[in-house]
Protein backbone atom coordinates (compact mmCIF):
# COMPACT_ATOMS: atom_id res chain seq x y z
CA UNK A 1 126.56 6.65 78.39
CA UNK A 2 126.27 10.25 77.13
CA UNK A 3 126.85 9.28 73.50
CA UNK A 4 125.52 11.99 71.17
CA UNK A 5 122.53 11.11 68.98
CA UNK A 6 120.92 13.38 66.38
CA UNK A 7 117.35 12.73 65.26
CA UNK A 8 116.86 14.29 61.82
CA UNK A 9 113.28 15.52 61.68
CA UNK A 10 110.50 15.51 64.28
CA UNK A 11 108.67 12.50 62.87
CA UNK A 12 106.49 10.44 65.20
CA UNK A 13 108.86 7.48 65.35
CA UNK A 14 111.91 9.71 65.73
CA UNK A 15 110.37 11.59 68.66
CA UNK A 16 109.38 8.30 70.26
CA UNK A 17 112.86 6.81 69.93
CA UNK A 18 114.41 10.07 71.14
CA UNK A 19 112.32 10.00 74.33
CA UNK A 20 113.27 6.39 75.12
CA UNK A 21 116.97 7.01 74.48
CA UNK A 22 116.87 10.24 76.48
CA UNK A 23 115.38 8.34 79.41
CA UNK A 24 118.32 5.92 79.21
CA UNK A 25 120.95 8.61 79.50
CA UNK A 26 121.83 9.41 75.89
CA UNK A 27 122.49 12.96 74.73
CA UNK A 28 119.70 13.33 72.14
CA UNK A 29 118.97 16.33 69.92
CA UNK A 30 116.12 16.57 67.41
CA UNK A 31 116.66 18.93 64.44
CA UNK A 32 113.42 20.04 62.77
CA UNK A 33 113.07 22.50 59.89
CA UNK A 34 109.56 23.66 60.86
CA UNK A 35 108.68 25.84 63.80
CA UNK A 36 106.94 24.21 66.76
CA UNK A 37 103.50 25.61 65.93
CA UNK A 38 103.77 24.37 62.33
CA UNK A 39 104.05 20.71 63.27
CA UNK A 40 101.02 18.51 62.63
CA UNK A 41 98.45 18.87 59.87
CA UNK A 42 95.19 20.60 60.71
CA UNK A 43 93.22 17.35 60.84
CA UNK A 44 92.97 14.05 62.68
CA UNK A 45 94.37 10.61 61.90
CA UNK A 46 93.63 7.02 62.74
CA UNK A 47 95.68 5.13 65.33
CA UNK A 48 95.35 3.21 68.61
CA UNK A 49 95.53 5.01 71.95
CA UNK A 50 97.74 2.18 73.24
CA UNK A 51 100.44 3.07 70.69
CA UNK A 52 101.56 5.91 72.94
CA UNK A 53 102.45 3.36 75.61
CA UNK A 54 105.21 2.02 73.34
CA UNK A 55 107.22 5.25 73.71
CA UNK A 56 106.30 6.04 77.30
CA UNK A 57 104.02 8.95 76.43
CA UNK A 58 100.73 9.57 78.22
CA UNK A 59 97.60 8.50 76.42
CA UNK A 60 95.29 11.19 75.07
CA UNK A 61 92.18 12.01 77.11
CA UNK A 62 89.19 9.91 76.14
CA UNK A 63 87.12 12.99 75.35
CA UNK A 64 89.70 14.05 72.72
CA UNK A 65 89.19 10.84 70.71
CA UNK A 66 86.65 9.97 68.03
CA UNK A 67 85.73 6.37 67.20
CA UNK A 68 86.99 4.92 63.94
CA UNK A 69 84.39 5.14 61.19
CA UNK A 70 82.88 2.13 59.48
CA UNK A 71 83.82 2.89 55.88
CA UNK A 72 81.72 1.74 52.92
CA UNK A 73 83.59 1.17 49.64
CA UNK A 74 82.32 2.14 46.20
CA UNK A 75 83.34 0.50 42.95
CA UNK A 76 84.83 2.88 40.35
CA UNK A 77 81.50 2.95 38.50
CA UNK A 78 79.71 3.63 41.83
CA UNK A 79 77.26 0.81 41.10
CA UNK A 80 78.38 -1.49 43.92
CA UNK A 81 78.78 -0.63 47.59
CA UNK A 82 80.83 -2.93 49.85
CA UNK A 83 79.87 -2.97 53.52
CA UNK A 84 82.50 -2.41 56.23
CA UNK A 85 84.61 -5.11 57.86
CA UNK A 86 83.76 -4.27 61.48
CA UNK A 87 86.61 -6.11 63.19
CA UNK A 88 89.13 -3.35 62.44
CA UNK A 89 87.07 -0.69 64.16
CA UNK A 90 87.04 -2.15 67.69
CA UNK A 91 90.04 -0.23 69.09
CA UNK A 92 90.96 2.28 66.39
CA UNK A 93 90.35 5.95 67.11
CA UNK A 94 90.75 9.30 65.41
CA UNK A 95 93.03 11.81 67.14
CA UNK A 96 94.11 15.32 66.20
CA UNK A 97 97.55 15.44 64.60
CA UNK A 98 98.55 18.44 66.70
CA UNK A 99 97.57 16.61 69.89
CA UNK A 100 99.78 13.70 68.83
CA UNK A 101 102.69 16.12 68.56
CA UNK A 102 101.84 17.70 71.92
CA UNK A 103 102.06 14.29 73.60
CA UNK A 104 105.24 13.16 71.83
CA UNK A 105 107.12 16.45 72.25
CA UNK A 106 106.18 16.75 75.92
CA UNK A 107 107.36 13.16 76.45
CA UNK A 108 110.66 13.79 74.65
CA UNK A 109 111.42 17.00 76.54
CA UNK A 110 110.50 15.37 79.85
CA UNK A 111 113.22 12.81 79.13
CA UNK A 112 115.90 15.39 78.45
CA UNK A 113 115.68 15.55 74.65
CA UNK A 114 116.68 18.90 73.10
CA UNK A 115 114.56 19.99 70.13
CA UNK A 116 115.87 22.66 67.76
CA UNK A 117 113.23 24.15 65.45
CA UNK A 118 113.56 26.17 62.27
CA UNK A 119 116.79 24.59 61.04
CA UNK A 120 116.83 23.08 57.55
CA UNK A 121 118.68 19.80 57.09
CA UNK A 122 120.64 19.61 53.83
CA UNK A 123 122.26 16.16 53.81
CA UNK A 124 124.04 13.43 55.70
CA UNK A 125 127.70 13.79 56.59
CA UNK A 126 129.60 10.57 55.95
CA UNK A 127 133.08 9.11 55.76
CA UNK A 128 133.94 5.97 53.80
CA UNK A 129 132.37 3.64 56.32
CA UNK A 130 129.64 5.41 58.28
CA UNK A 131 127.33 8.35 58.83
CA UNK A 132 129.10 10.85 61.08
CA UNK A 133 126.46 13.59 61.36
CA UNK A 134 124.23 15.89 59.34
CA UNK A 135 124.76 19.07 57.35
CA UNK A 136 122.31 21.88 58.14
CA UNK A 137 121.87 25.45 56.95
CA UNK A 138 123.97 26.41 59.96
CA UNK A 139 126.83 24.02 59.20
CA UNK A 140 127.86 20.48 60.14
CA UNK A 141 126.61 18.78 63.28
CA UNK A 142 128.71 15.79 64.28
CA UNK A 143 127.39 12.91 66.38
CA UNK A 144 127.84 9.23 67.19
CA UNK A 145 124.55 8.11 65.67
CA UNK A 146 121.84 9.50 63.35
CA UNK A 147 118.16 8.56 63.43
CA UNK A 148 116.50 9.59 60.18
CA UNK A 149 112.89 10.66 60.81
CA UNK A 150 112.80 13.42 58.18
CA UNK A 151 109.97 12.02 56.07
CA UNK A 152 109.65 10.35 52.69
CA UNK A 153 111.77 13.02 50.99
CA UNK A 154 114.42 12.95 53.71
CA UNK A 155 117.53 14.85 52.56
CA UNK A 156 119.56 12.59 54.86
CA UNK A 157 118.47 9.32 53.28
CA UNK A 158 118.59 10.74 49.76
CA UNK A 159 122.21 11.85 50.19
CA UNK A 160 123.61 8.58 51.54
CA UNK A 161 126.33 6.88 49.48
CA UNK A 162 124.87 4.14 47.31
CA UNK A 163 127.23 1.58 48.83
CA UNK A 164 125.48 1.95 52.20
CA UNK A 165 122.56 0.05 50.66
CA UNK A 166 119.68 2.25 51.86
CA UNK A 167 117.06 3.05 49.19
CA UNK A 168 117.48 6.74 48.46
CA UNK A 169 114.52 7.67 46.26
CA UNK A 170 110.84 6.74 46.57
CA UNK A 171 109.28 6.72 43.10
CA UNK A 172 106.22 8.79 42.23
CA UNK A 173 104.36 5.57 41.35
CA UNK A 174 104.85 4.53 44.99
CA UNK A 175 103.61 7.90 46.24
CA UNK A 176 100.02 8.85 47.00
CA UNK A 177 99.62 12.55 46.21
CA UNK A 178 96.79 13.90 48.34
CA UNK A 179 94.47 16.81 48.96
CA UNK A 180 92.51 16.91 52.21
CA UNK A 181 90.06 19.45 53.59
CA UNK A 182 87.12 19.69 55.96
CA UNK A 183 84.09 21.30 54.29
CA UNK A 184 80.99 22.79 55.88
CA UNK A 185 77.78 20.80 55.35
CA UNK A 186 74.51 22.53 54.46
CA UNK A 187 72.25 20.00 56.21
CA UNK A 188 70.75 18.53 53.01
CA UNK A 189 69.58 14.93 53.40
CA UNK A 190 71.53 12.15 51.70
CA UNK A 191 70.57 8.48 51.37
CA UNK A 192 74.23 7.47 51.00
CA UNK A 193 76.20 6.13 53.99
CA UNK A 194 77.93 8.79 56.06
CA UNK A 195 81.37 7.31 55.47
CA UNK A 196 82.20 6.50 51.84
CA UNK A 197 85.46 5.57 50.12
CA UNK A 198 86.04 5.29 46.37
CA UNK A 199 88.58 3.44 44.21
CA UNK A 200 89.62 4.81 40.79
CA UNK A 201 87.25 7.71 41.41
CA UNK A 202 86.81 10.11 38.47
CA UNK A 203 89.38 8.17 36.47
CA UNK A 204 92.41 8.71 38.70
CA UNK A 205 94.36 5.74 40.01
CA UNK A 206 93.97 6.11 43.73
CA UNK A 207 91.66 6.36 46.69
CA UNK A 208 89.21 9.08 47.83
CA UNK A 209 86.77 9.46 50.70
CA UNK A 210 83.92 11.58 52.05
CA UNK A 211 83.30 11.28 55.80
CA UNK A 212 80.15 13.08 56.91
CA UNK A 213 80.43 14.29 60.53
CA UNK A 214 77.16 16.20 60.60
CA UNK A 215 78.18 19.86 60.52
CA UNK A 216 81.17 19.16 58.29
CA UNK A 217 82.68 16.54 55.99
CA UNK A 218 86.24 15.25 55.86
CA UNK A 219 87.23 14.94 52.18
CA UNK A 220 90.36 13.23 50.86
CA UNK A 221 91.44 13.02 47.22
CA UNK A 222 94.41 10.72 46.61
CA UNK A 223 96.11 9.64 43.40
CA UNK A 224 99.24 7.64 42.66
CA UNK A 225 101.89 9.35 40.57
CA UNK A 226 100.36 12.81 40.28
CA UNK A 227 97.51 15.02 41.44
CA UNK A 228 96.81 18.52 40.19
CA UNK A 229 94.17 21.14 40.92
CA UNK A 230 92.05 20.07 37.95
CA UNK A 231 91.91 16.49 39.30
CA UNK A 232 90.85 17.79 42.71
CA UNK A 233 88.18 20.13 41.34
CA UNK A 234 86.75 17.38 39.12
CA UNK A 235 86.57 15.02 42.08
CA UNK A 236 84.98 17.60 44.38
CA UNK A 237 82.38 18.44 41.74
CA UNK A 238 81.48 14.76 41.46
CA UNK A 239 81.29 14.41 45.25
CA UNK A 240 78.93 17.38 45.51
CA UNK A 241 76.63 15.92 42.86
CA UNK A 242 76.18 12.79 44.99
CA UNK A 243 76.56 14.24 48.50
CA UNK A 244 74.23 17.24 48.32
CA UNK A 245 75.16 18.42 51.81
CA UNK A 246 78.76 19.16 50.80
CA UNK A 247 79.48 22.88 50.30
CA UNK A 248 82.62 24.55 48.93
CA UNK A 249 83.44 26.30 52.23
CA UNK A 250 86.67 24.96 53.73
CA UNK A 251 86.72 24.95 57.52
CA UNK A 252 90.08 23.24 58.08
CA UNK A 253 92.89 21.73 56.05
CA UNK A 254 92.90 22.43 52.35
CA UNK A 255 96.46 21.14 52.01
CA UNK A 256 98.27 19.03 49.45
CA UNK A 257 100.56 16.30 50.73
CA UNK A 258 102.43 13.11 49.89
CA UNK A 259 102.30 9.66 51.46
CA UNK A 260 104.77 6.85 50.65
CA UNK A 261 102.56 3.99 49.49
CA UNK A 262 105.02 1.11 49.19
CA UNK A 263 106.37 -1.61 51.40
CA UNK A 264 108.90 -0.63 54.05
CA UNK A 265 112.47 -0.18 52.80
CA UNK A 266 114.37 -3.47 52.63
CA UNK A 267 117.30 -2.08 54.62
CA UNK A 268 116.83 0.12 57.66
CA UNK A 269 120.36 0.40 59.06
CA UNK A 270 123.97 1.04 58.15
CA UNK A 271 126.95 2.05 60.31
CA UNK A 272 125.82 4.79 62.74
CA UNK A 273 122.49 5.31 61.00
CA UNK A 274 118.91 4.03 61.14
CA UNK A 275 115.76 5.11 59.35
CA UNK A 276 112.25 5.19 60.83
CA UNK A 277 108.70 6.35 60.01
CA UNK A 278 107.79 7.81 56.61
CA UNK A 279 111.48 8.02 55.74
CA UNK A 280 111.47 4.21 55.93
CA UNK A 281 108.02 3.96 54.31
CA UNK A 282 106.49 2.50 57.48
CA UNK A 283 102.92 2.92 56.28
CA UNK A 284 99.56 1.17 56.45
CA UNK A 285 98.27 1.86 52.92
CA UNK A 286 94.58 1.35 53.55
CA UNK A 287 94.48 3.91 56.35
CA UNK A 288 97.15 6.17 54.87
CA UNK A 289 98.74 6.39 58.28
CA UNK A 290 102.18 5.38 59.50
CA UNK A 291 101.64 6.39 63.13
CA UNK A 292 101.12 2.86 64.44
CA UNK A 293 104.18 1.34 62.80
CA UNK A 294 106.36 4.35 63.57
CA UNK A 295 105.57 4.44 67.29
CA UNK A 296 105.84 0.68 67.75
CA UNK A 297 109.16 0.51 65.93
CA UNK A 298 110.66 3.23 68.18
CA UNK A 299 111.39 0.94 71.17
CA UNK A 300 112.85 -1.66 68.80
CA UNK A 301 115.28 0.95 67.49
CA UNK A 302 116.08 2.28 70.97
CA UNK A 303 116.84 -1.22 72.26
CA UNK A 304 119.15 -1.91 69.31
CA UNK A 305 120.99 1.39 69.83
CA UNK A 306 121.56 0.54 73.50
CA UNK A 307 122.87 -2.90 72.60
CA UNK A 308 125.07 -1.50 69.81
CA UNK A 309 126.75 1.20 71.90
CA UNK A 310 129.83 -0.86 72.78
CA UNK A 311 130.25 -1.86 69.14
CA UNK A 312 130.27 1.74 67.94
CA UNK A 313 126.79 1.50 66.40
CA UNK A 314 127.95 -0.73 63.57
CA UNK A 315 125.45 -2.22 61.13
CA UNK A 316 125.98 -5.69 62.56
CA UNK A 317 124.79 -4.66 66.02
CA UNK A 318 121.96 -2.50 64.71
CA UNK A 319 120.56 -5.37 62.64
CA UNK A 320 118.46 -6.43 65.65
CA UNK A 321 116.20 -3.41 65.02
CA UNK A 322 115.50 -4.49 61.48
CA UNK A 323 114.96 -8.12 62.48
CA UNK A 324 112.51 -7.22 65.26
CA UNK A 325 110.55 -4.89 62.98
CA UNK A 326 110.15 -7.32 60.10
CA UNK A 327 109.60 -10.30 62.37
CA UNK A 328 106.53 -8.49 63.74
CA UNK A 329 105.18 -6.69 60.71
CA UNK A 330 106.35 -8.32 57.48
CA UNK A 331 103.18 -10.33 56.88
CA UNK A 332 100.99 -7.25 57.13
CA UNK A 333 103.44 -5.16 55.07
CA UNK A 334 103.61 -7.62 52.19
CA UNK A 335 99.89 -8.46 52.23
CA UNK A 336 99.10 -4.75 51.86
CA UNK A 337 101.76 -4.32 49.18
CA UNK A 338 100.41 -7.23 47.15
CA UNK A 339 96.85 -5.91 47.43
CA UNK A 340 97.93 -2.37 46.53
CA UNK A 341 99.65 -3.72 43.42
CA UNK A 342 96.52 -5.63 42.42
CA UNK A 343 94.23 -2.64 42.86
CA UNK A 344 96.52 -0.25 40.98
CA UNK A 345 97.51 -2.58 38.13
CA UNK A 346 94.18 -4.22 37.38
CA UNK A 347 92.58 -1.16 35.75
CA UNK A 348 89.22 0.49 36.23
CA UNK A 349 87.16 -1.95 34.15
CA UNK A 350 88.52 -5.04 35.87
CA UNK A 351 88.23 -3.43 39.28
CA UNK A 352 84.53 -2.86 38.62
CA UNK A 353 84.26 -6.60 37.91
CA UNK A 354 85.86 -7.39 41.27
CA UNK A 355 83.02 -5.54 42.93
CA UNK A 356 80.14 -6.71 40.73
CA UNK A 357 81.25 -10.38 40.94
CA UNK A 358 81.64 -10.03 44.73
CA UNK A 359 85.27 -11.15 44.54
CA UNK A 360 86.53 -8.23 46.61
CA UNK A 361 85.23 -7.53 50.11
CA UNK A 362 86.18 -5.14 52.92
CA UNK A 363 87.44 -8.19 54.80
CA UNK A 364 89.89 -8.88 51.97
CA UNK A 365 91.07 -5.28 52.05
CA UNK A 366 92.05 -5.57 55.69
CA UNK A 367 93.61 -9.03 55.66
CA UNK A 368 90.79 -11.01 57.25
CA UNK A 369 90.96 -14.81 56.99
CA UNK A 370 88.83 -16.29 54.24
CA UNK A 371 86.32 -19.05 55.06
CA UNK A 372 85.71 -22.00 52.72
CA UNK A 373 82.25 -20.72 51.63
CA UNK A 374 83.81 -17.31 50.91
CA UNK A 375 86.52 -18.95 48.84
CA UNK A 376 83.92 -20.89 46.83
CA UNK A 377 81.94 -17.70 46.15
CA UNK A 378 85.06 -15.90 44.97
CA UNK A 379 86.11 -18.81 42.76
CA UNK A 380 82.66 -18.78 41.14
CA UNK A 381 83.05 -15.08 40.44
CA UNK A 382 86.47 -15.65 38.91
CA UNK A 383 85.13 -18.34 36.57
CA UNK A 384 82.53 -15.92 35.25
CA UNK A 385 85.18 -13.23 34.65
CA UNK A 386 88.19 -15.03 33.10
CA UNK A 387 89.97 -11.76 32.35
CA UNK A 388 90.70 -11.46 36.06
CA UNK A 389 92.48 -14.81 36.31
CA UNK A 390 96.00 -13.58 35.36
CA UNK A 391 95.88 -10.86 38.01
CA UNK A 392 94.76 -13.24 40.73
CA UNK A 393 97.27 -15.87 39.67
CA UNK A 394 99.99 -13.26 40.14
CA UNK A 395 98.46 -12.25 43.48
CA UNK A 396 98.33 -15.86 44.68
CA UNK A 397 102.00 -16.38 43.79
CA UNK A 398 102.99 -13.26 45.68
CA UNK A 399 100.92 -14.13 48.75
CA UNK A 400 102.51 -17.57 48.84
CA UNK A 401 105.94 -15.92 49.06
CA UNK A 402 105.04 -14.03 52.23
CA UNK A 403 105.53 -16.99 54.56
CA UNK A 404 108.85 -17.79 52.89
CA UNK A 405 110.11 -14.25 53.40
CA UNK A 406 108.89 -14.25 56.99
CA UNK A 407 110.58 -17.54 57.83
CA UNK A 408 113.88 -16.62 56.18
CA UNK A 409 114.56 -13.19 57.76
CA UNK A 410 118.13 -13.61 59.07
CA UNK A 411 117.94 -13.33 62.85
CA UNK A 412 121.71 -13.10 63.21
CA UNK A 413 123.82 -10.75 61.13
CA UNK A 414 125.23 -12.53 58.11
CA UNK A 415 126.10 -10.36 55.10
CA UNK A 416 125.47 -13.06 52.51
CA UNK A 417 122.17 -14.23 54.00
CA UNK A 418 120.98 -10.64 54.44
CA UNK A 419 121.87 -9.71 50.85
CA UNK A 420 119.94 -12.73 49.56
CA UNK A 421 116.92 -11.92 51.71
CA UNK A 422 116.93 -8.24 50.68
CA UNK A 423 117.05 -9.24 47.02
CA UNK A 424 113.99 -11.51 47.47
CA UNK A 425 112.13 -8.85 49.47
CA UNK A 426 112.85 -6.13 46.88
CA UNK A 427 111.64 -8.39 44.07
CA UNK A 428 108.42 -9.34 45.89
């Protein structure tokens, strides 16, 4: 082997794929613009401990994990509170972002991966047919294959020729702009649940939460399209009026960020190139985390790269990565995308009706199967709120398309069939 692979960016999926390929004898280099100690936000995220098995990394120590919280959901008017759907909390854990990076970087280096920090990536380097390397602040770096793990604003993906067919720009309306900080609590009693999430809170189209951990609270403010300091301050002021224990003293975090909140890109590969993680919009919208999808897609990508080596890493041979990913995750991806569209398009007034008429439950939010009595209850709610019917008719049509898209993913590379499938997926 010995073929040279560059991983652009130290994303979770990119580090995972790098470690696997390094263990199989490839010459792998990760180029990351941040310094080592700058990687990982100063907070924790939700994932499964078993996800680290997918990339051969050791699992985190049990005492470093926190159990997933049972989140209660408020209607925009804060008049209805939806109880948690407990099934999703059985295995999920919270883990420090910096610990995730410790595990993934140690695993990559153990498998011979070279990691170069503090080098800014400017663009892809391409010829007429393929990606041939990357351009950095220090000049061109040539290679046989590029893995793009440089995040949702990846300069590699954004600079690809249009004819390569990879989506270059993620729109602001598909981006959750966030502010997250951990605030000290003052010990004041509150009758509200410890873990509360809000839709359309304070008039912004998005999703916020307050997670009370006793001595401190984890606060997230998230809005689609835009989020400025005034929006954040207004939201925090409202939180403090309801959650009296919340002070204005920041203990950790206090950072603004961006999360791609759209379905995964419809095309993940072209000649000598593949995209993974946030750069591919591999995200679970209702947790705001792409760690699970990124880590589990890493071995799929590594296997495809190994199989494609003799073919020069052409798109045809790399297609197996895309097929394996969508074959496993497309139903979840499109269910979440359809629900996200409903919640963001329906408007604040109608969303309040979804809660008051008991049409929307936590089980619905996380894709749980609906029983016949539950369906009857929801139908009754719909009848009493006819203004909701057009939105749910649209949702029903979209959900019906999911099985069709799942069953028609081309398993074998066929340009015509793939183009047709991509067109249907993009228009979902």
